[in-house]
N, C-alpha and C. Protein backbone atom coordinates (compact mmCIF):
# COMPACT_ATOMS: atom_id res chain seq x y z
N GLN A 1 86.71 8.84 -75.54
CA GLN A 1 86.35 9.17 -74.15
C GLN A 1 85.64 10.42 -74.18
N VAL A 2 84.73 10.18 -73.53
CA VAL A 2 83.81 11.72 -73.49
C VAL A 2 84.22 12.28 -72.35
N GLN A 3 84.32 13.43 -72.46
CA GLN A 3 84.79 14.37 -71.25
C GLN A 3 83.75 15.46 -71.09
N LEU A 4 83.40 15.86 -70.09
CA LEU A 4 82.44 17.01 -69.79
C LEU A 4 83.30 18.07 -68.88
N VAL A 5 83.42 19.27 -69.07
CA VAL A 5 84.26 19.95 -68.12
C VAL A 5 83.61 21.34 -67.67
N GLU A 6 82.96 21.42 -66.66
CA GLU A 6 82.46 22.77 -66.16
C GLU A 6 83.33 23.66 -65.80
N SER A 7 82.76 25.00 -65.96
CA SER A 7 83.58 26.33 -65.56
C SER A 7 82.46 27.34 -65.21
N GLY A 8 83.14 28.06 -64.33
CA GLY A 8 81.95 29.47 -64.05
C GLY A 8 81.45 29.50 -62.74
N GLY A 9 81.34 28.65 -62.19
CA GLY A 9 80.92 28.84 -60.62
C GLY A 9 81.79 29.31 -59.82
N GLY A 10 81.13 29.82 -58.58
CA GLY A 10 81.78 30.74 -57.93
C GLY A 10 80.72 31.10 -56.72
N SER A 11 81.20 32.42 -55.84
CA SER A 11 80.31 33.15 -54.93
C SER A 11 79.97 34.00 -55.32
N VAL A 12 78.59 34.47 -55.01
CA VAL A 12 77.76 35.68 -55.31
C VAL A 12 76.84 36.02 -54.47
N GLN A 13 76.44 37.17 -54.56
CA GLN A 13 75.31 37.78 -53.57
C GLN A 13 74.10 37.56 -54.09
N ALA A 14 72.89 37.47 -53.51
CA ALA A 14 71.38 37.30 -54.01
C ALA A 14 71.37 38.37 -54.67
N GLY A 15 70.66 37.92 -55.96
CA GLY A 15 70.46 39.20 -56.73
C GLY A 15 71.15 39.17 -57.95
N GLY A 16 72.50 38.29 -57.94
CA GLY A 16 73.46 38.53 -58.76
C GLY A 16 73.55 37.57 -59.47
N SER A 17 74.36 37.36 -60.92
CA SER A 17 74.23 36.32 -61.89
C SER A 17 75.93 35.51 -62.17
N LEU A 18 75.31 34.82 -62.63
CA LEU A 18 76.58 33.83 -63.19
C LEU A 18 76.50 33.11 -64.42
N ARG A 19 77.41 32.65 -65.17
CA ARG A 19 77.22 31.94 -66.13
C ARG A 19 78.27 30.59 -66.10
N LEU A 20 77.45 29.46 -66.23
CA LEU A 20 78.15 28.28 -65.90
C LEU A 20 78.55 27.97 -67.73
N SER A 21 80.09 27.56 -67.75
CA SER A 21 79.78 26.62 -69.21
C SER A 21 80.26 25.28 -68.87
N CYS A 22 79.90 24.53 -70.02
CA CYS A 22 80.52 22.94 -70.13
C CYS A 22 80.75 22.96 -71.16
N ALA A 23 82.17 22.26 -71.38
CA ALA A 23 82.91 22.04 -72.93
C ALA A 23 82.77 20.50 -72.89
N ALA A 24 82.60 19.82 -74.14
CA ALA A 24 82.14 18.53 -74.36
C ALA A 24 83.42 18.30 -74.96
N SER A 25 83.72 17.11 -74.95
CA SER A 25 84.83 16.39 -76.07
C SER A 25 84.37 14.83 -76.41
N GLY A 26 84.86 14.20 -77.17
CA GLY A 26 84.61 12.74 -77.37
C GLY A 26 83.48 12.34 -77.96
N ARG A 27 82.49 12.97 -78.33
CA ARG A 27 81.12 12.50 -78.97
C ARG A 27 80.61 13.69 -79.93
N THR A 28 79.99 13.04 -80.58
CA THR A 28 79.17 14.31 -81.56
C THR A 28 78.07 15.19 -80.46
N PHE A 29 78.55 16.11 -80.09
CA PHE A 29 77.76 16.79 -79.29
C PHE A 29 76.40 17.24 -79.73
N SER A 30 76.59 17.83 -81.07
CA SER A 30 75.28 18.45 -81.40
C SER A 30 73.86 17.72 -81.60
N SER A 31 74.20 16.41 -81.40
CA SER A 31 72.89 15.39 -81.93
C SER A 31 72.34 14.82 -80.23
N TRP A 32 72.73 15.59 -79.34
CA TRP A 32 72.47 14.95 -77.80
C TRP A 32 72.00 16.04 -77.16
N VAL A 33 70.89 15.41 -75.90
CA VAL A 33 70.43 16.46 -75.07
C VAL A 33 71.21 16.79 -74.04
N MET A 34 71.70 17.90 -73.54
CA MET A 34 72.38 18.43 -72.77
C MET A 34 71.72 18.91 -71.59
N GLY A 35 72.05 18.72 -70.40
CA GLY A 35 71.35 18.84 -69.22
C GLY A 35 72.12 19.57 -68.07
N TRP A 36 71.83 20.54 -67.22
CA TRP A 36 72.47 20.96 -66.02
C TRP A 36 71.41 20.48 -65.17
N PHE A 37 72.32 19.81 -63.75
CA PHE A 37 71.66 19.42 -62.71
C PHE A 37 72.18 20.10 -61.52
N ARG A 38 71.80 19.98 -60.60
CA ARG A 38 72.40 20.73 -59.37
C ARG A 38 72.09 19.85 -58.04
N GLN A 39 73.04 19.68 -57.19
CA GLN A 39 72.83 18.68 -55.83
C GLN A 39 73.38 19.76 -54.71
N ALA A 40 72.33 19.82 -53.86
CA ALA A 40 72.81 20.59 -52.67
C ALA A 40 72.92 19.77 -51.32
N PRO A 41 73.69 20.12 -50.55
CA PRO A 41 73.99 18.93 -49.16
C PRO A 41 73.00 18.40 -48.87
N GLY A 42 72.83 17.18 -48.76
CA GLY A 42 71.52 16.51 -48.01
C GLY A 42 70.32 16.43 -49.05
N LYS A 43 70.77 16.74 -50.17
CA LYS A 43 69.66 16.65 -51.10
C LYS A 43 69.66 15.86 -52.44
N GLU A 44 68.66 15.22 -53.25
CA GLU A 44 69.18 14.98 -54.45
C GLU A 44 69.35 15.36 -55.31
N ARG A 45 69.91 14.60 -56.33
CA ARG A 45 70.39 15.59 -57.68
C ARG A 45 69.32 16.08 -58.33
N GLU A 46 69.14 17.14 -58.83
CA GLU A 46 67.73 17.65 -59.40
C GLU A 46 68.26 18.18 -60.58
N LEU A 47 67.14 18.04 -61.73
CA LEU A 47 67.65 18.85 -63.26
C LEU A 47 66.83 20.04 -62.74
N VAL A 48 67.86 20.93 -63.37
CA VAL A 48 67.76 22.67 -63.84
C VAL A 48 67.10 22.89 -65.05
N ALA A 49 67.88 22.50 -65.83
CA ALA A 49 67.59 23.09 -67.36
C ALA A 49 68.15 21.88 -68.11
N ALA A 50 67.50 21.71 -69.37
CA ALA A 50 68.12 20.76 -70.67
C ALA A 50 67.91 21.18 -72.07
N SER A 51 68.47 20.87 -72.95
CA SER A 51 68.36 21.61 -74.22
C SER A 51 68.80 20.35 -75.41
N SER A 52 67.65 20.24 -76.11
CA SER A 52 68.17 19.42 -77.44
C SER A 52 68.81 19.90 -78.43
N TRP A 53 69.11 19.39 -79.30
CA TRP A 53 70.00 20.39 -80.51
C TRP A 53 69.04 21.00 -81.46
N ARG A 54 67.67 21.03 -81.08
CA ARG A 54 66.80 21.65 -82.02
C ARG A 54 66.64 23.08 -81.42
N ILE A 55 66.63 23.92 -82.09
CA ILE A 55 66.35 25.50 -81.60
C ILE A 55 65.17 25.54 -80.56
N GLY A 56 65.33 26.06 -79.69
CA GLY A 56 64.35 26.17 -78.93
C GLY A 56 63.36 25.08 -77.79
N ASP A 57 64.39 23.94 -78.00
CA ASP A 57 63.59 22.79 -77.53
C ASP A 57 64.51 22.90 -76.25
N THR A 58 63.69 23.14 -75.41
CA THR A 58 64.55 23.15 -74.07
C THR A 58 63.51 23.10 -72.61
N TYR A 59 64.04 22.65 -71.47
CA TYR A 59 63.20 22.11 -70.42
C TYR A 59 63.75 23.18 -69.35
N TYR A 60 62.90 23.64 -68.43
CA TYR A 60 63.49 24.21 -67.19
C TYR A 60 62.46 23.81 -66.01
N ALA A 61 63.33 23.52 -65.13
CA ALA A 61 62.38 23.33 -63.62
C ALA A 61 61.76 24.57 -63.03
N ASP A 62 60.59 24.35 -62.63
CA ASP A 62 59.73 25.52 -62.21
C ASP A 62 60.53 26.48 -61.32
N SER A 63 61.33 25.91 -60.51
CA SER A 63 62.13 26.88 -59.55
C SER A 63 63.00 27.85 -60.29
N VAL A 64 63.20 27.52 -61.36
CA VAL A 64 64.55 28.47 -62.20
C VAL A 64 63.84 29.28 -63.47
N LYS A 65 62.67 28.78 -64.02
CA LYS A 65 61.88 29.44 -64.70
C LYS A 65 61.98 30.84 -64.83
N GLY A 66 62.36 31.35 -65.79
CA GLY A 66 62.15 33.09 -65.86
C GLY A 66 63.79 33.75 -65.45
N ARG A 67 64.51 32.61 -64.87
CA ARG A 67 65.65 33.37 -63.96
C ARG A 67 67.24 32.74 -64.73
N PHE A 68 66.94 31.43 -65.31
CA PHE A 68 67.90 30.80 -65.81
C PHE A 68 67.81 30.80 -67.26
N THR A 69 68.98 30.76 -68.27
CA THR A 69 68.84 30.37 -69.45
C THR A 69 69.78 29.20 -69.78
N ILE A 70 69.39 28.32 -70.73
CA ILE A 70 70.41 27.61 -71.08
C ILE A 70 70.58 27.57 -72.57
N SER A 71 71.94 27.43 -73.34
CA SER A 71 72.02 27.80 -74.46
C SER A 71 73.34 27.06 -74.78
N ARG A 72 73.49 26.76 -76.21
CA ARG A 72 74.68 25.77 -76.79
C ARG A 72 74.92 26.33 -77.77
N ASP A 73 76.50 26.09 -78.09
CA ASP A 73 76.94 26.32 -79.22
C ASP A 73 77.51 25.26 -79.56
N ASN A 74 76.97 24.67 -80.57
CA ASN A 74 77.33 23.08 -81.29
C ASN A 74 78.64 23.03 -82.03
N ALA A 75 79.18 24.27 -82.43
CA ALA A 75 80.38 24.72 -83.08
C ALA A 75 81.48 24.58 -82.18
N LYS A 76 81.38 24.83 -80.90
CA LYS A 76 82.39 25.10 -79.81
C LYS A 76 81.85 23.63 -78.79
N ASN A 77 81.06 22.74 -79.23
CA ASN A 77 80.82 21.90 -78.19
C ASN A 77 80.63 22.15 -76.59
N THR A 78 79.81 23.43 -76.75
CA THR A 78 79.69 23.94 -75.38
C THR A 78 78.21 24.15 -74.94
N VAL A 79 77.94 23.91 -73.70
CA VAL A 79 76.69 24.46 -73.13
C VAL A 79 76.63 25.32 -72.09
N TYR A 80 75.91 26.51 -72.25
CA TYR A 80 76.06 27.31 -71.21
C TYR A 80 74.98 27.40 -70.23
N LEU A 81 75.07 27.85 -68.99
CA LEU A 81 73.67 28.20 -68.21
C LEU A 81 73.78 29.66 -67.62
N GLN A 82 73.41 30.38 -68.15
CA GLN A 82 73.16 32.05 -67.45
C GLN A 82 72.35 32.11 -66.38
N MET A 83 72.43 32.30 -65.10
CA MET A 83 71.91 32.22 -63.90
C MET A 83 71.91 33.79 -63.53
N ASN A 84 70.77 34.24 -63.36
CA ASN A 84 70.23 35.66 -63.06
C ASN A 84 69.28 35.48 -62.00
N SER A 85 69.32 36.61 -60.84
CA SER A 85 68.56 36.90 -60.21
C SER A 85 68.70 35.69 -58.86
N LEU A 86 70.09 35.34 -58.58
CA LEU A 86 70.41 34.61 -58.06
C LEU A 86 69.57 34.30 -56.52
N LYS A 87 69.21 33.00 -55.69
CA LYS A 87 69.06 33.21 -54.64
C LYS A 87 69.48 32.18 -53.56
N PRO A 88 69.49 32.28 -52.72
CA PRO A 88 70.54 31.39 -51.67
C PRO A 88 70.15 29.99 -51.83
N GLU A 89 68.83 29.80 -52.01
CA GLU A 89 68.56 28.14 -52.30
C GLU A 89 68.79 27.78 -53.57
N ASP A 90 69.53 28.57 -54.57
CA ASP A 90 70.28 27.88 -55.75
C ASP A 90 71.64 27.40 -55.39
N THR A 91 72.00 27.63 -54.26
CA THR A 91 73.27 27.19 -53.81
C THR A 91 73.28 25.58 -53.84
N ALA A 92 74.50 25.21 -54.70
CA ALA A 92 74.43 23.82 -54.81
C ALA A 92 75.88 23.39 -55.68
N VAL A 93 76.14 22.12 -55.94
CA VAL A 93 77.39 22.05 -57.09
C VAL A 93 76.28 21.83 -58.30
N TYR A 94 76.92 22.24 -59.24
CA TYR A 94 76.26 22.16 -60.67
C TYR A 94 76.57 21.33 -61.62
N TYR A 95 76.23 20.10 -62.17
CA TYR A 95 76.68 19.39 -62.87
C TYR A 95 76.06 19.59 -64.48
N CYS A 96 77.03 19.17 -65.39
CA CYS A 96 76.12 19.17 -66.77
C CYS A 96 76.23 17.72 -67.29
N ALA A 97 75.48 16.94 -67.98
CA ALA A 97 75.47 15.72 -68.27
C ALA A 97 74.78 15.60 -69.51
N THR A 98 74.97 14.53 -70.36
CA THR A 98 74.62 14.23 -71.78
C THR A 98 73.43 13.33 -71.59
N SER A 99 72.47 13.06 -72.61
CA SER A 99 71.30 12.31 -72.51
C SER A 99 70.97 12.14 -74.15
N TRP A 100 69.91 11.17 -73.97
CA TRP A 100 69.07 11.04 -74.98
C TRP A 100 67.65 11.46 -74.89
N LYS A 101 67.20 12.00 -73.66
CA LYS A 101 66.16 11.94 -73.37
C LYS A 101 65.80 13.53 -73.18
N LEU A 102 64.57 14.07 -73.40
CA LEU A 102 64.35 15.55 -72.93
C LEU A 102 62.75 15.42 -72.29
N PRO A 103 62.62 15.98 -71.01
CA PRO A 103 63.81 16.06 -69.86
C PRO A 103 64.39 14.74 -69.54
N PRO A 104 65.51 14.91 -69.19
CA PRO A 104 66.26 13.48 -68.54
C PRO A 104 66.25 13.58 -66.90
N SER A 105 65.94 12.31 -66.60
CA SER A 105 66.45 12.13 -65.12
C SER A 105 67.72 11.76 -65.15
N ALA A 106 68.35 11.82 -63.63
CA ALA A 106 69.70 11.41 -63.62
C ALA A 106 70.01 10.30 -64.01
N GLY A 107 69.20 9.36 -63.66
CA GLY A 107 69.49 7.78 -64.27
C GLY A 107 69.31 7.57 -65.89
N GLU A 108 68.93 8.62 -66.71
CA GLU A 108 69.08 8.78 -68.11
C GLU A 108 70.00 9.52 -68.59
N CYS A 109 71.15 9.74 -67.58
CA CYS A 109 72.22 10.60 -68.62
C CYS A 109 73.36 9.69 -68.29
N ASP A 110 74.21 9.72 -69.52
CA ASP A 110 75.36 8.84 -69.64
C ASP A 110 76.73 9.54 -69.20
N TYR A 111 76.98 10.55 -69.50
CA TYR A 111 78.26 11.32 -68.80
C TYR A 111 78.00 12.22 -68.18
N TRP A 112 78.76 12.38 -67.40
CA TRP A 112 78.78 13.53 -66.20
C TRP A 112 79.88 14.21 -66.21
N GLY A 113 79.91 15.85 -66.10
CA GLY A 113 81.23 16.49 -65.62
C GLY A 113 81.54 16.23 -64.01
N GLN A 114 82.52 17.05 -63.77
CA GLN A 114 82.71 16.86 -62.11
C GLN A 114 82.23 17.80 -61.40
N GLY A 115 81.48 18.66 -61.97
CA GLY A 115 80.63 19.54 -60.87
C GLY A 115 81.17 20.94 -60.75
N THR A 116 80.70 22.08 -60.68
CA THR A 116 81.37 23.36 -60.46
C THR A 116 80.23 24.25 -59.17
N GLN A 117 80.77 24.41 -57.81
CA GLN A 117 80.16 25.03 -57.15
C GLN A 117 79.56 26.40 -57.15
N VAL A 118 78.44 26.52 -57.03
CA VAL A 118 77.68 27.91 -57.06
C VAL A 118 77.41 28.36 -55.43
N THR A 119 77.53 29.25 -54.97
CA THR A 119 77.36 29.79 -53.51
C THR A 119 76.82 30.95 -53.49
N VAL A 120 75.22 31.31 -53.18
CA VAL A 120 74.62 32.38 -53.14
C VAL A 120 74.45 32.87 -51.66
N SER A 121 75.04 33.91 -51.23
CA SER A 121 74.76 34.32 -50.02
C SER A 121 73.61 35.52 -49.85
N SER A 122 73.10 35.66 -48.83
CA SER A 122 71.85 36.51 -48.53
C SER A 122 72.43 37.84 -48.12
């Protein structure tokens, strides 16, 4: 049974920072692509960042480049999303997911976490 559990969401003012964590269990974590998606009310789920097991093999959406950093600790089966210079438009539920493809679409992910809310106020 694969489980992904996100944590680290919360409320922050614009310009602030948050770090999300996603702890995985039930599969060989290190060999898979890990992605962070987000979904705002009334909008489609979109890919924010993703990382393969190869160091430096990452993808970022244009909207977060230079502000967000994805990293992973394969020994801890955990992937992180460091979010700096947050903007109100970053407000969404953030999900981590596993995939075999980089970058993955939502339909190319096989397991999902339950999501964690990020709220950025102006």
